Amino acid sequence: MSARQLSFDLPVRTALGREDFFVSPVNAQAVALIEGWRDWPARKLMLAGPGGAGKTHLAHVWAGLSDARIVMAEALVQADIPALAAGPVVVEDAHAIARDRPAEEALFHLHNLVLAEGYSLLITAREAPALWGLGLPDLASRMAGTLMARLGPPDDALLAAVLSKLFADRQISPSPDTVPYLARRIERAFDAAHRVVAELDARALAEGRAITRAFAAEVLDNPAL
């Protein structure tokens, strides 16, 4: 059998359980805070980090622990805020609503109502709120007063674990030496891991190839873009 088995275009099924999240020094604090969520100061927490760092994964872990609902920040304008505030809430990609006054006001009202009702709030963003460019001073103040856990760039072990998970999400079994090779070769960034796995998957399907170390070397040396 080849490392890819057969070149089928299989669906991506992202594993978002706690057992699927690899803990390393760069994310250990965030994981500990998610697991100890009942002790959050003021019952709220912000996860900040680059794309692919695991914010959404941890948000789903917390939603499973707390029975929270998950909503994208940009969807808050159309959301029923009182209904959302009737339980714990995750707001994803809060940085994306900067300078969108109706969305900023919606997040401000949701923040206040969730906490007033005695529930907890988890917010994810790519960076600290001071860098978002919020136009609503009251919201900026609430965000600045939220405990923040940063998810940093991956170390060696975490990058290898992320690559392995991305392949597994795509139902791909690369040769055993492929992931260690990629971890040494690619940029030490989560987005880079996502890009290279997506390109390897697409090229393997197009060419009917197994994903091996040699094939990975070909792709890295001759990128599509």
N, C-alpha and C. Protein backbone atom coordinates (compact mmCIF):
# COMPACT_ATOMS: atom_id res chain seq x y z
N MET A 1 0.85 -1.21 0.00
CA MET A 1 0.00 0.00 0.00
C MET A 1 0.87 1.25 0.00
N SER A 2 0.43 2.28 -0.68
CA SER A 2 1.15 3.54 -0.68
C SER A 2 0.88 4.27 0.62
N ALA A 3 1.72 5.30 0.89
CA ALA A 3 1.52 6.08 2.10
C ALA A 3 0.20 6.82 2.08
N ARG A 4 -0.26 7.15 0.90
CA ARG A 4 -1.54 7.85 0.78
C ARG A 4 -2.69 6.86 0.67
N GLN A 5 -2.37 5.56 0.56
CA GLN A 5 -3.34 4.51 0.27
C GLN A 5 -3.87 4.74 -1.15
N LEU A 6 -4.98 5.37 -1.31
CA LEU A 6 -5.51 5.70 -2.64
C LEU A 6 -5.70 7.20 -2.73
N SER A 7 -5.62 7.73 -3.94
CA SER A 7 -5.72 9.19 -4.11
C SER A 7 -7.17 9.62 -4.24
N PHE A 8 -7.90 9.51 -3.16
CA PHE A 8 -9.28 9.96 -3.12
C PHE A 8 -9.33 11.38 -2.56
N ASP A 9 -10.26 12.17 -3.07
CA ASP A 9 -10.46 13.52 -2.55
C ASP A 9 -11.39 13.43 -1.36
N LEU A 10 -10.82 13.13 -0.20
CA LEU A 10 -11.60 12.89 1.01
C LEU A 10 -11.92 14.20 1.72
N PRO A 11 -13.05 14.26 2.42
CA PRO A 11 -13.40 15.50 3.12
C PRO A 11 -12.47 15.77 4.29
N VAL A 12 -12.29 17.07 4.58
CA VAL A 12 -11.49 17.46 5.74
C VAL A 12 -12.39 17.43 6.96
N ARG A 13 -12.01 16.65 7.96
CA ARG A 13 -12.80 16.53 9.18
C ARG A 13 -11.92 16.96 10.34
N THR A 14 -12.03 18.20 10.72
CA THR A 14 -11.16 18.75 11.75
C THR A 14 -11.51 18.18 13.11
N ALA A 15 -10.53 17.56 13.75
CA ALA A 15 -10.72 17.00 15.09
C ALA A 15 -10.55 18.11 16.12
N LEU A 16 -11.58 18.36 16.93
CA LEU A 16 -11.56 19.49 17.85
C LEU A 16 -11.75 19.08 19.31
N GLY A 17 -11.52 17.82 19.63
CA GLY A 17 -11.64 17.37 21.00
C GLY A 17 -10.40 17.71 21.81
N ARG A 18 -10.53 17.66 23.14
CA ARG A 18 -9.39 17.95 24.02
C ARG A 18 -8.26 16.95 23.77
N GLU A 19 -8.63 15.70 23.50
CA GLU A 19 -7.60 14.68 23.29
C GLU A 19 -6.82 14.91 21.99
N ASP A 20 -7.33 15.76 21.11
CA ASP A 20 -6.67 16.05 19.84
C ASP A 20 -5.77 17.28 19.92
N PHE A 21 -5.73 17.92 21.08
CA PHE A 21 -4.93 19.14 21.23
C PHE A 21 -3.60 18.82 21.89
N PHE A 22 -2.50 19.13 21.21
CA PHE A 22 -1.17 18.84 21.71
C PHE A 22 -0.70 19.99 22.60
N VAL A 23 -0.36 19.68 23.84
CA VAL A 23 0.08 20.70 24.79
C VAL A 23 1.60 20.83 24.73
N SER A 24 2.08 22.07 24.60
CA SER A 24 3.51 22.35 24.61
C SER A 24 3.72 23.62 25.43
N PRO A 25 4.97 24.01 25.69
CA PRO A 25 5.20 25.23 26.48
C PRO A 25 4.57 26.49 25.90
N VAL A 26 4.37 26.54 24.58
CA VAL A 26 3.82 27.77 23.99
C VAL A 26 2.31 27.90 24.16
N ASN A 27 1.64 26.83 24.57
CA ASN A 27 0.19 26.94 24.76
C ASN A 27 -0.28 26.38 26.10
N ALA A 28 0.64 25.96 26.95
CA ALA A 28 0.26 25.30 28.20
C ALA A 28 -0.57 26.22 29.10
N GLN A 29 -0.23 27.51 29.15
CA GLN A 29 -1.00 28.43 30.00
C GLN A 29 -2.43 28.53 29.51
N ALA A 30 -2.61 28.65 28.19
CA ALA A 30 -3.96 28.76 27.63
C ALA A 30 -4.77 27.50 27.93
N VAL A 31 -4.15 26.34 27.79
CA VAL A 31 -4.86 25.09 28.07
C VAL A 31 -5.26 25.02 29.54
N ALA A 32 -4.36 25.41 30.42
CA ALA A 32 -4.67 25.38 31.85
C ALA A 32 -5.83 26.31 32.19
N LEU A 33 -5.86 27.47 31.55
CA LEU A 33 -6.95 28.42 31.81
C LEU A 33 -8.27 27.90 31.27
N ILE A 34 -8.24 27.26 30.11
CA ILE A 34 -9.47 26.68 29.56
C ILE A 34 -10.01 25.59 30.49
N GLU A 35 -9.11 24.74 30.96
CA GLU A 35 -9.55 23.65 31.83
C GLU A 35 -9.98 24.16 33.22
N GLY A 36 -9.42 25.29 33.64
CA GLY A 36 -9.80 25.86 34.93
C GLY A 36 -10.73 27.05 34.79
N TRP A 37 -11.61 26.99 33.81
CA TRP A 37 -12.43 28.14 33.43
C TRP A 37 -13.33 28.67 34.54
N ARG A 38 -13.69 27.86 35.47
CA ARG A 38 -14.57 28.33 36.55
C ARG A 38 -13.88 29.36 37.46
N ASP A 39 -12.57 29.48 37.33
CA ASP A 39 -11.82 30.43 38.17
C ASP A 39 -11.38 31.68 37.41
N TRP A 40 -11.89 31.90 36.18
CA TRP A 40 -11.50 33.11 35.44
C TRP A 40 -11.87 34.37 36.22
N PRO A 41 -10.96 35.33 36.32
CA PRO A 41 -11.32 36.63 36.91
C PRO A 41 -12.42 37.29 36.08
N ALA A 42 -13.45 37.75 36.75
CA ALA A 42 -14.59 38.41 36.09
C ALA A 42 -15.29 37.50 35.10
N ARG A 43 -15.02 36.19 35.15
CA ARG A 43 -15.68 35.17 34.32
C ARG A 43 -15.46 35.39 32.82
N LYS A 44 -14.30 35.90 32.44
CA LYS A 44 -14.03 36.08 31.01
C LYS A 44 -12.55 35.87 30.72
N LEU A 45 -12.29 35.43 29.47
CA LEU A 45 -10.92 35.16 29.03
C LEU A 45 -10.81 35.46 27.55
N MET A 46 -9.62 35.95 27.15
CA MET A 46 -9.34 36.15 25.74
C MET A 46 -8.16 35.26 25.34
N LEU A 47 -8.32 34.55 24.22
CA LEU A 47 -7.23 33.79 23.61
C LEU A 47 -6.73 34.59 22.42
N ALA A 48 -5.44 34.93 22.41
CA ALA A 48 -4.87 35.72 21.33
C ALA A 48 -3.69 34.98 20.72
N GLY A 49 -3.65 34.95 19.39
CA GLY A 49 -2.54 34.29 18.72
C GLY A 49 -2.75 34.26 17.23
N PRO A 50 -1.73 33.89 16.48
CA PRO A 50 -1.81 33.89 15.02
C PRO A 50 -2.77 32.85 14.49
N GLY A 51 -3.12 32.98 13.23
CA GLY A 51 -4.00 32.02 12.59
C GLY A 51 -3.42 30.61 12.68
N GLY A 52 -4.28 29.64 12.99
CA GLY A 52 -3.83 28.26 13.08
C GLY A 52 -3.19 27.89 14.40
N ALA A 53 -3.15 28.82 15.36
CA ALA A 53 -2.46 28.55 16.62
C ALA A 53 -3.25 27.64 17.56
N GLY A 54 -4.51 27.41 17.27
CA GLY A 54 -5.32 26.54 18.12
C GLY A 54 -6.42 27.25 18.88
N LYS A 55 -6.68 28.53 18.54
CA LYS A 55 -7.71 29.28 19.28
C LYS A 55 -9.08 28.64 19.08
N THR A 56 -9.43 28.33 17.84
CA THR A 56 -10.74 27.73 17.57
C THR A 56 -10.85 26.35 18.21
N HIS A 57 -9.76 25.59 18.16
CA HIS A 57 -9.77 24.27 18.79
C HIS A 57 -10.05 24.40 20.28
N LEU A 58 -9.33 25.29 20.95
CA LEU A 58 -9.55 25.48 22.39
C LEU A 58 -10.93 26.05 22.67
N ALA A 59 -11.44 26.89 21.76
CA ALA A 59 -12.79 27.41 21.94
C ALA A 59 -13.82 26.28 21.93
N HIS A 60 -13.62 25.31 21.05
CA HIS A 60 -14.53 24.17 21.01
C HIS A 60 -14.36 23.28 22.24
N VAL A 61 -13.12 23.15 22.71
CA VAL A 61 -12.90 22.39 23.94
C VAL A 61 -13.68 23.04 25.08
N TRP A 62 -13.55 24.38 25.20
CA TRP A 62 -14.26 25.07 26.28
C TRP A 62 -15.76 24.98 26.10
N ALA A 63 -16.24 25.09 24.86
CA ALA A 63 -17.68 24.98 24.62
C ALA A 63 -18.20 23.62 25.08
N GLY A 64 -17.37 22.59 24.89
CA GLY A 64 -17.77 21.27 25.37
C GLY A 64 -17.80 21.18 26.89
N LEU A 65 -16.86 21.87 27.53
CA LEU A 65 -16.81 21.85 29.00
C LEU A 65 -17.93 22.67 29.63
N SER A 66 -18.26 23.79 29.00
CA SER A 66 -19.19 24.75 29.62
C SER A 66 -20.57 24.78 28.98
N ASP A 67 -20.75 24.01 27.90
CA ASP A 67 -22.01 24.05 27.13
C ASP A 67 -22.25 25.43 26.53
N ALA A 68 -21.17 26.07 26.08
CA ALA A 68 -21.28 27.41 25.50
C ALA A 68 -21.69 27.36 24.04
N ARG A 69 -22.28 28.44 23.59
CA ARG A 69 -22.57 28.63 22.17
C ARG A 69 -21.41 29.40 21.54
N ILE A 70 -21.13 29.11 20.28
CA ILE A 70 -20.02 29.75 19.56
C ILE A 70 -20.59 30.63 18.45
N VAL A 71 -20.12 31.87 18.39
CA VAL A 71 -20.59 32.80 17.36
C VAL A 71 -19.40 33.59 16.84
N MET A 72 -19.39 33.86 15.54
CA MET A 72 -18.37 34.72 14.97
C MET A 72 -18.70 36.17 15.29
N ALA A 73 -17.69 36.95 15.61
CA ALA A 73 -17.92 38.35 15.99
C ALA A 73 -18.66 39.11 14.90
N GLU A 74 -18.32 38.84 13.65
CA GLU A 74 -18.96 39.57 12.55
C GLU A 74 -20.44 39.23 12.39
N ALA A 75 -20.89 38.13 13.01
CA ALA A 75 -22.30 37.74 12.92
C ALA A 75 -23.14 38.32 14.05
N LEU A 76 -22.51 39.05 14.98
CA LEU A 76 -23.25 39.53 16.15
C LEU A 76 -24.32 40.56 15.80
N VAL A 77 -24.12 41.30 14.73
CA VAL A 77 -25.11 42.32 14.34
C VAL A 77 -26.46 41.68 14.05
N GLN A 78 -26.44 40.47 13.47
CA GLN A 78 -27.70 39.78 13.15
C GLN A 78 -28.16 38.85 14.28
N ALA A 79 -27.37 38.72 15.32
CA ALA A 79 -27.68 37.76 16.38
C ALA A 79 -28.70 38.30 17.37
N ASP A 80 -29.40 37.39 18.02
CA ASP A 80 -30.31 37.72 19.11
C ASP A 80 -29.46 37.78 20.39
N ILE A 81 -29.03 38.98 20.75
CA ILE A 81 -28.09 39.12 21.86
C ILE A 81 -28.67 38.60 23.18
N PRO A 82 -29.90 38.94 23.56
CA PRO A 82 -30.45 38.40 24.81
C PRO A 82 -30.50 36.87 24.82
N ALA A 83 -30.81 36.27 23.68
CA ALA A 83 -30.87 34.80 23.62
C ALA A 83 -29.46 34.22 23.77
N LEU A 84 -28.48 34.83 23.13
CA LEU A 84 -27.10 34.37 23.27
C LEU A 84 -26.62 34.48 24.71
N ALA A 85 -27.02 35.53 25.37
CA ALA A 85 -26.55 35.80 26.73
C ALA A 85 -27.21 34.92 27.77
N ALA A 86 -28.07 34.00 27.34
CA ALA A 86 -28.74 33.11 28.29
C ALA A 86 -27.88 31.89 28.62
N GLY A 87 -26.59 31.98 28.40
CA GLY A 87 -25.67 30.90 28.71
C GLY A 87 -24.25 31.34 28.36
N PRO A 88 -23.26 30.51 28.61
CA PRO A 88 -21.88 30.85 28.26
C PRO A 88 -21.74 31.05 26.75
N VAL A 89 -20.81 31.92 26.36
CA VAL A 89 -20.65 32.26 24.93
C VAL A 89 -19.17 32.32 24.55
N VAL A 90 -18.89 31.83 23.35
CA VAL A 90 -17.59 32.05 22.70
C VAL A 90 -17.80 33.02 21.55
N VAL A 91 -17.01 34.08 21.50
CA VAL A 91 -17.01 35.01 20.37
C VAL A 91 -15.68 34.86 19.65
N GLU A 92 -15.74 34.40 18.41
CA GLU A 92 -14.53 34.13 17.63
C GLU A 92 -14.15 35.33 16.76
N ASP A 93 -12.84 35.54 16.61
CA ASP A 93 -12.27 36.57 15.71
C ASP A 93 -12.79 37.96 16.02
N ALA A 94 -12.72 38.34 17.28
CA ALA A 94 -13.23 39.65 17.69
C ALA A 94 -12.47 40.80 17.04
N HIS A 95 -11.21 40.58 16.69
CA HIS A 95 -10.43 41.65 16.04
C HIS A 95 -11.04 42.08 14.71
N ALA A 96 -11.84 41.19 14.08
CA ALA A 96 -12.37 41.45 12.75
C ALA A 96 -13.45 42.54 12.73
N ILE A 97 -13.97 42.91 13.89
CA ILE A 97 -15.07 43.90 13.88
C ILE A 97 -14.59 45.31 14.16
N ALA A 98 -13.29 45.51 14.27
CA ALA A 98 -12.77 46.86 14.54
C ALA A 98 -13.27 47.83 13.48
N ARG A 99 -13.76 48.97 13.95
CA ARG A 99 -14.27 50.07 13.12
C ARG A 99 -15.62 49.74 12.45
N ASP A 100 -16.21 48.62 12.83
CA ASP A 100 -17.58 48.30 12.40
C ASP A 100 -18.48 48.64 13.59
N ARG A 101 -18.99 49.86 13.60
CA ARG A 101 -19.69 50.36 14.80
C ARG A 101 -20.84 49.47 15.26
N PRO A 102 -21.74 49.03 14.36
CA PRO A 102 -22.83 48.16 14.83
C PRO A 102 -22.32 46.86 15.46
N ALA A 103 -21.28 46.27 14.87
CA ALA A 103 -20.75 45.03 15.42
C ALA A 103 -20.05 45.27 16.76
N GLU A 104 -19.33 46.39 16.86
CA GLU A 104 -18.69 46.72 18.14
C GLU A 104 -19.74 46.91 19.22
N GLU A 105 -20.83 47.60 18.90
CA GLU A 105 -21.89 47.81 19.88
C GLU A 105 -22.54 46.49 20.28
N ALA A 106 -22.69 45.58 19.31
CA ALA A 106 -23.30 44.28 19.60
C ALA A 106 -22.41 43.49 20.56
N LEU A 107 -21.10 43.50 20.33
CA LEU A 107 -20.19 42.80 21.23
C LEU A 107 -20.20 43.44 22.62
N PHE A 108 -20.25 44.76 22.67
CA PHE A 108 -20.30 45.46 23.95
C PHE A 108 -21.53 45.03 24.74
N HIS A 109 -22.69 44.99 24.08
CA HIS A 109 -23.92 44.61 24.78
C HIS A 109 -23.89 43.13 25.19
N LEU A 110 -23.36 42.28 24.31
CA LEU A 110 -23.28 40.86 24.65
C LEU A 110 -22.35 40.66 25.84
N HIS A 111 -21.20 41.30 25.81
CA HIS A 111 -20.25 41.20 26.92
C HIS A 111 -20.94 41.55 28.25
N ASN A 112 -21.61 42.69 28.27
CA ASN A 112 -22.23 43.15 29.52
C ASN A 112 -23.35 42.22 29.96
N LEU A 113 -24.16 41.75 29.01
CA LEU A 113 -25.33 40.96 29.37
C LEU A 113 -24.93 39.55 29.82
N VAL A 114 -23.98 38.94 29.14
CA VAL A 114 -23.53 37.60 29.54
C VAL A 114 -23.02 37.62 30.98
N LEU A 115 -22.19 38.61 31.29
CA LEU A 115 -21.63 38.68 32.64
C LEU A 115 -22.69 39.05 33.67
N ALA A 116 -23.60 39.94 33.28
CA ALA A 116 -24.68 40.32 34.20
C ALA A 116 -25.57 39.13 34.53
N GLU A 117 -25.72 38.21 33.58
CA GLU A 117 -26.56 37.03 33.79
C GLU A 117 -25.82 35.94 34.58
N GLY A 118 -24.54 36.17 34.86
CA GLY A 118 -23.78 35.23 35.67
C GLY A 118 -23.09 34.13 34.89
N TYR A 119 -22.96 34.32 33.55
CA TYR A 119 -22.31 33.32 32.72
C TYR A 119 -20.89 33.76 32.35
N SER A 120 -20.19 32.90 31.64
CA SER A 120 -18.80 33.17 31.27
C SER A 120 -18.68 33.47 29.78
N LEU A 121 -17.60 34.19 29.44
CA LEU A 121 -17.39 34.65 28.07
C LEU A 121 -15.96 34.35 27.64
N LEU A 122 -15.80 33.70 26.49
CA LEU A 122 -14.49 33.45 25.90
C LEU A 122 -14.42 34.18 24.57
N ILE A 123 -13.34 34.92 24.36
CA ILE A 123 -13.16 35.71 23.14
C ILE A 123 -11.85 35.28 22.49
N THR A 124 -11.87 35.10 21.17
CA THR A 124 -10.63 34.80 20.45
C THR A 124 -10.30 35.95 19.51
N ALA A 125 -9.00 36.16 19.29
CA ALA A 125 -8.53 37.23 18.41
C ALA A 125 -7.10 36.94 17.98
N ARG A 126 -6.67 37.58 16.93
CA ARG A 126 -5.30 37.36 16.44
C ARG A 126 -4.26 38.11 17.26
N GLU A 127 -4.69 39.16 17.96
CA GLU A 127 -3.72 39.99 18.68
C GLU A 127 -4.40 40.66 19.86
N ALA A 128 -3.62 41.36 20.66
CA ALA A 128 -4.16 42.06 21.83
C ALA A 128 -5.13 43.15 21.39
N PRO A 129 -6.17 43.42 22.19
CA PRO A 129 -7.20 44.39 21.79
C PRO A 129 -6.68 45.79 21.52
N ALA A 130 -5.57 46.17 22.15
CA ALA A 130 -5.01 47.50 21.89
C ALA A 130 -4.59 47.67 20.44
N LEU A 131 -4.40 46.55 19.73
CA LEU A 131 -3.96 46.60 18.33
C LEU A 131 -5.11 46.45 17.34
N TRP A 132 -6.33 46.25 17.82
CA TRP A 132 -7.46 46.04 16.91
C TRP A 132 -7.89 47.31 16.19
N GLY A 133 -7.77 48.45 16.88
CA GLY A 133 -8.28 49.70 16.32
C GLY A 133 -9.77 49.90 16.59
N LEU A 134 -10.22 49.51 17.78
CA LEU A 134 -11.63 49.66 18.13
C LEU A 134 -12.02 51.13 18.18
N GLY A 135 -13.22 51.41 17.70
CA GLY A 135 -13.71 52.79 17.70
C GLY A 135 -14.62 53.12 18.86
N LEU A 136 -15.10 52.10 19.56
CA LEU A 136 -16.02 52.29 20.68
C LEU A 136 -15.22 52.25 21.98
N PRO A 137 -15.04 53.39 22.64
CA PRO A 137 -14.19 53.43 23.84
C PRO A 137 -14.64 52.47 24.93
N ASP A 138 -15.95 52.35 25.14
CA ASP A 138 -16.43 51.45 26.19
C ASP A 138 -16.07 50.00 25.91
N LEU A 139 -16.15 49.59 24.64
CA LEU A 139 -15.77 48.23 24.28
C LEU A 139 -14.26 48.04 24.44
N ALA A 140 -13.49 49.03 24.00
CA ALA A 140 -12.03 48.95 24.14
C ALA A 140 -11.65 48.77 25.61
N SER A 141 -12.35 49.48 26.49
CA SER A 141 -12.07 49.36 27.92
C SER A 141 -12.41 47.97 28.44
N ARG A 142 -13.55 47.41 28.01
CA ARG A 142 -13.94 46.07 28.45
C ARG A 142 -12.94 45.02 27.95
N MET A 143 -12.50 45.15 26.71
CA MET A 143 -11.56 44.18 26.15
C MET A 143 -10.20 44.29 26.84
N ALA A 144 -9.76 45.53 27.10
CA ALA A 144 -8.47 45.72 27.76
C ALA A 144 -8.47 45.14 29.16
N GLY A 145 -9.65 45.08 29.78
CA GLY A 145 -9.77 44.55 31.13
C GLY A 145 -10.02 43.05 31.19
N THR A 146 -9.85 42.37 30.06
CA THR A 146 -10.08 40.92 30.00
C THR A 146 -8.76 40.17 30.11
N LEU A 147 -8.71 39.18 30.99
CA LEU A 147 -7.53 38.34 31.11
C LEU A 147 -7.21 37.73 29.75
N MET A 148 -5.95 37.79 29.33
CA MET A 148 -5.56 37.30 28.02
C MET A 148 -4.50 36.21 28.12
N ALA A 149 -4.72 35.13 27.38
CA ALA A 149 -3.73 34.07 27.24
C ALA A 149 -3.22 34.08 25.81
N ARG A 150 -1.92 34.16 25.64
CA ARG A 150 -1.32 34.21 24.30
C ARG A 150 -0.91 32.81 23.85
N LEU A 151 -1.17 32.53 22.59
CA LEU A 151 -0.71 31.31 21.95
C LEU A 151 0.44 31.71 21.03
N GLY A 152 1.65 31.30 21.36
CA GLY A 152 2.82 31.74 20.61
C GLY A 152 3.12 30.89 19.41
N PRO A 153 4.17 31.26 18.66
CA PRO A 153 4.61 30.46 17.51
C PRO A 153 5.00 29.06 17.98
N PRO A 154 4.86 28.06 17.12
CA PRO A 154 5.11 26.68 17.55
C PRO A 154 6.58 26.37 17.79
N ASP A 155 6.86 25.56 18.79
CA ASP A 155 8.18 25.01 18.96
C ASP A 155 8.28 23.75 18.09
N ASP A 156 9.42 23.05 18.14
CA ASP A 156 9.63 21.90 17.26
C ASP A 156 8.56 20.83 17.46
N ALA A 157 8.31 20.48 18.71
CA ALA A 157 7.35 19.41 18.98
C ALA A 157 5.94 19.79 18.56
N LEU A 158 5.56 21.04 18.83
CA LEU A 158 4.21 21.47 18.48
C LEU A 158 4.03 21.55 16.97
N LEU A 159 5.04 22.04 16.25
CA LEU A 159 4.92 22.12 14.79
C LEU A 159 4.73 20.72 14.20
N ALA A 160 5.48 19.75 14.68
CA ALA A 160 5.33 18.38 14.20
C ALA A 160 3.93 17.84 14.53
N ALA A 161 3.44 18.15 15.73
CA ALA A 161 2.12 17.68 16.13
C ALA A 161 1.03 18.32 15.27
N VAL A 162 1.19 19.60 14.97
CA VAL A 162 0.20 20.29 14.12
C VAL A 162 0.20 19.69 12.72
N LEU A 163 1.36 19.45 12.17
CA LEU A 163 1.44 18.83 10.84
C LEU A 163 0.75 17.47 10.84
N SER A 164 1.02 16.67 11.86
CA SER A 164 0.40 15.34 11.95
C SER A 164 -1.11 15.44 12.03
N LYS A 165 -1.60 16.40 12.82
CA LYS A 165 -3.05 16.58 12.95
C LYS A 165 -3.67 17.05 11.64
N LEU A 166 -3.00 17.97 10.93
CA LEU A 166 -3.54 18.47 9.67
C LEU A 166 -3.65 17.34 8.64
N PHE A 167 -2.66 16.46 8.61
CA PHE A 167 -2.75 15.31 7.72
C PHE A 167 -3.90 14.40 8.14
N ALA A 168 -4.03 14.16 9.45
CA ALA A 168 -5.09 13.29 9.94
C ALA A 168 -6.47 13.87 9.63
N ASP A 169 -6.61 15.19 9.77
CA ASP A 169 -7.89 15.84 9.46
C ASP A 169 -8.29 15.59 8.01
N ARG A 170 -7.30 15.47 7.13
CA ARG A 170 -7.56 15.21 5.71
C ARG A 170 -7.56 13.71 5.39
N GLN A 171 -7.49 12.89 6.42
CA GLN A 171 -7.49 11.44 6.26
C GLN A 171 -6.32 10.97 5.40
N ILE A 172 -5.16 11.58 5.63
CA ILE A 172 -3.94 11.26 4.90
C ILE A 172 -2.96 10.60 5.87
N SER A 173 -2.29 9.55 5.40
CA SER A 173 -1.24 8.90 6.18
C SER A 173 0.08 9.03 5.43
N PRO A 174 0.85 10.10 5.70
CA PRO A 174 2.14 10.25 5.01
C PRO A 174 3.14 9.21 5.50
N SER A 175 4.22 9.04 4.77
CA SER A 175 5.26 8.12 5.23
C SER A 175 5.82 8.64 6.55
N PRO A 176 6.33 7.74 7.41
CA PRO A 176 6.76 8.14 8.76
C PRO A 176 7.81 9.24 8.80
N ASP A 177 8.64 9.35 7.75
CA ASP A 177 9.70 10.36 7.77
C ASP A 177 9.27 11.71 7.19
N THR A 178 8.01 11.80 6.73
CA THR A 178 7.55 13.04 6.07
C THR A 178 7.38 14.18 7.07
N VAL A 179 6.68 13.93 8.17
CA VAL A 179 6.42 15.00 9.14
C VAL A 179 7.71 15.54 9.75
N PRO A 180 8.64 14.70 10.23
CA PRO A 180 9.89 15.26 10.76
C PRO A 180 10.65 16.08 9.71
N TYR A 181 10.62 15.63 8.46
CA TYR A 181 11.29 16.38 7.38
C TYR A 181 10.63 17.75 7.20
N LEU A 182 9.31 17.78 7.13
CA LEU A 182 8.60 19.05 6.94
C LEU A 182 8.84 19.99 8.11
N ALA A 183 8.84 19.46 9.33
CA ALA A 183 9.04 20.30 10.51
C ALA A 183 10.40 20.99 10.47
N ARG A 184 11.37 20.35 9.84
CA ARG A 184 12.70 20.96 9.72
C ARG A 184 12.77 21.97 8.58
N ARG A 185 11.97 21.77 7.55
CA ARG A 185 12.12 22.54 6.33
C ARG A 185 11.24 23.79 6.26
N ILE A 186 10.02 23.72 6.75
CA ILE A 186 9.08 24.82 6.53
C ILE A 186 9.28 25.94 7.55
N GLU A 187 8.70 27.08 7.24
CA GLU A 187 8.71 28.21 8.17
C GLU A 187 8.06 27.80 9.48
N ARG A 188 8.61 28.26 10.59
CA ARG A 188 8.07 27.90 11.91
C ARG A 188 6.85 28.76 12.21
N ALA A 189 5.76 28.42 11.56
CA ALA A 189 4.51 29.18 11.71
C ALA A 189 3.34 28.26 11.42
N PHE A 190 2.24 28.47 12.14
CA PHE A 190 1.05 27.65 11.95
C PHE A 190 0.49 27.78 10.54
N ASP A 191 0.43 29.01 10.03
CA ASP A 191 -0.10 29.20 8.68
C ASP A 191 0.72 28.45 7.65
N ALA A 192 2.03 28.40 7.84
CA ALA A 192 2.89 27.68 6.91
C ALA A 192 2.55 26.19 6.93
N ALA A 193 2.28 25.64 8.10
CA ALA A 193 1.92 24.23 8.19
C ALA A 193 0.62 23.96 7.44
N HIS A 194 -0.37 24.84 7.62
CA HIS A 194 -1.64 24.68 6.90
C HIS A 194 -1.42 24.74 5.40
N ARG A 195 -0.62 25.70 4.95
CA ARG A 195 -0.40 25.86 3.51
C ARG A 195 0.29 24.65 2.90
N VAL A 196 1.33 24.15 3.56
CA VAL A 196 2.10 23.06 2.96
C VAL A 196 1.29 21.76 2.94
N VAL A 197 0.50 21.50 3.97
CA VAL A 197 -0.32 20.29 3.97
C VAL A 197 -1.39 20.38 2.88
N ALA A 198 -2.00 21.55 2.73
CA ALA A 198 -3.01 21.73 1.68
C ALA A 198 -2.39 21.53 0.29
N GLU A 199 -1.19 22.08 0.10
CA GLU A 199 -0.54 21.93 -1.22
C GLU A 199 -0.12 20.48 -1.48
N LEU A 200 0.42 19.82 -0.46
CA LEU A 200 0.78 18.42 -0.64
C LEU A 200 -0.44 17.57 -0.98
N ASP A 201 -1.54 17.82 -0.31
CA ASP A 201 -2.77 17.09 -0.57
C ASP A 201 -3.23 17.31 -2.01
N ALA A 202 -3.27 18.59 -2.44
CA ALA A 202 -3.73 18.90 -3.78
C ALA A 202 -2.81 18.30 -4.85
N ARG A 203 -1.51 18.41 -4.65
CA ARG A 203 -0.56 17.90 -5.65
C ARG A 203 -0.59 16.37 -5.70
N ALA A 204 -0.71 15.73 -4.54
CA ALA A 204 -0.78 14.27 -4.51
C ALA A 204 -2.01 13.76 -5.25
N LEU A 205 -3.13 14.45 -5.05
CA LEU A 205 -4.36 14.07 -5.76
C LEU A 205 -4.21 14.28 -7.26
N ALA A 206 -3.66 15.42 -7.64
CA ALA A 206 -3.54 15.75 -9.07
C ALA A 206 -2.59 14.80 -9.79
N GLU A 207 -1.55 14.36 -9.09
CA GLU A 207 -0.51 13.55 -9.73
C GLU A 207 -0.63 12.06 -9.40
N GLY A 208 -1.61 11.71 -8.54
CA GLY A 208 -1.75 10.31 -8.15
C GLY A 208 -0.56 9.78 -7.40
N ARG A 209 0.03 10.61 -6.54
CA ARG A 209 1.26 10.26 -5.83
C ARG A 209 0.98 9.99 -4.36
N ALA A 210 1.83 9.20 -3.75
CA ALA A 210 1.82 9.04 -2.30
C ALA A 210 2.57 10.20 -1.67
N ILE A 211 2.19 10.55 -0.45
CA ILE A 211 2.88 11.64 0.25
C ILE A 211 4.02 11.04 1.06
N THR A 212 5.22 11.19 0.51
CA THR A 212 6.43 10.67 1.11
C THR A 212 7.41 11.82 1.32
N ARG A 213 8.52 11.53 1.97
CA ARG A 213 9.55 12.56 2.16
C ARG A 213 10.05 13.07 0.81
N ALA A 214 10.27 12.17 -0.14
CA ALA A 214 10.77 12.57 -1.45
C ALA A 214 9.76 13.46 -2.17
N PHE A 215 8.48 13.09 -2.09
CA PHE A 215 7.45 13.91 -2.73
C PHE A 215 7.37 15.28 -2.06
N ALA A 216 7.44 15.30 -0.72
CA ALA A 216 7.41 16.57 0.01
C ALA A 216 8.57 17.46 -0.41
N ALA A 217 9.74 16.87 -0.60
CA ALA A 217 10.91 17.64 -1.02
C ALA A 217 10.67 18.24 -2.41
N GLU A 218 10.07 17.47 -3.31
CA GLU A 218 9.75 17.97 -4.65
C GLU A 218 8.82 19.18 -4.56
N VAL A 219 7.79 19.06 -3.74
CA VAL A 219 6.80 20.14 -3.63
C VAL A 219 7.42 21.39 -3.02
N LEU A 220 8.23 21.21 -1.98
CA LEU A 220 8.86 22.37 -1.34
C LEU A 220 9.85 23.05 -2.27
N ASP A 221 10.55 22.26 -3.09
CA ASP A 221 11.53 22.84 -4.01
C ASP A 221 10.88 23.43 -5.26
N ASN A 222 9.64 23.01 -5.54
CA ASN A 222 8.93 23.51 -6.72
C ASN A 222 7.49 23.85 -6.34
N PRO A 223 7.31 24.90 -5.52
CA PRO A 223 5.96 25.26 -5.07
C PRO A 223 5.08 25.68 -6.22
N ALA A 224 3.77 25.50 -6.01
CA ALA A 224 2.80 25.83 -7.06
C ALA A 224 2.73 27.33 -7.29
N LEU A 225 2.93 28.12 -6.21
CA LEU A 225 2.81 29.58 -6.32
C LEU A 225 4.19 30.22 -6.45
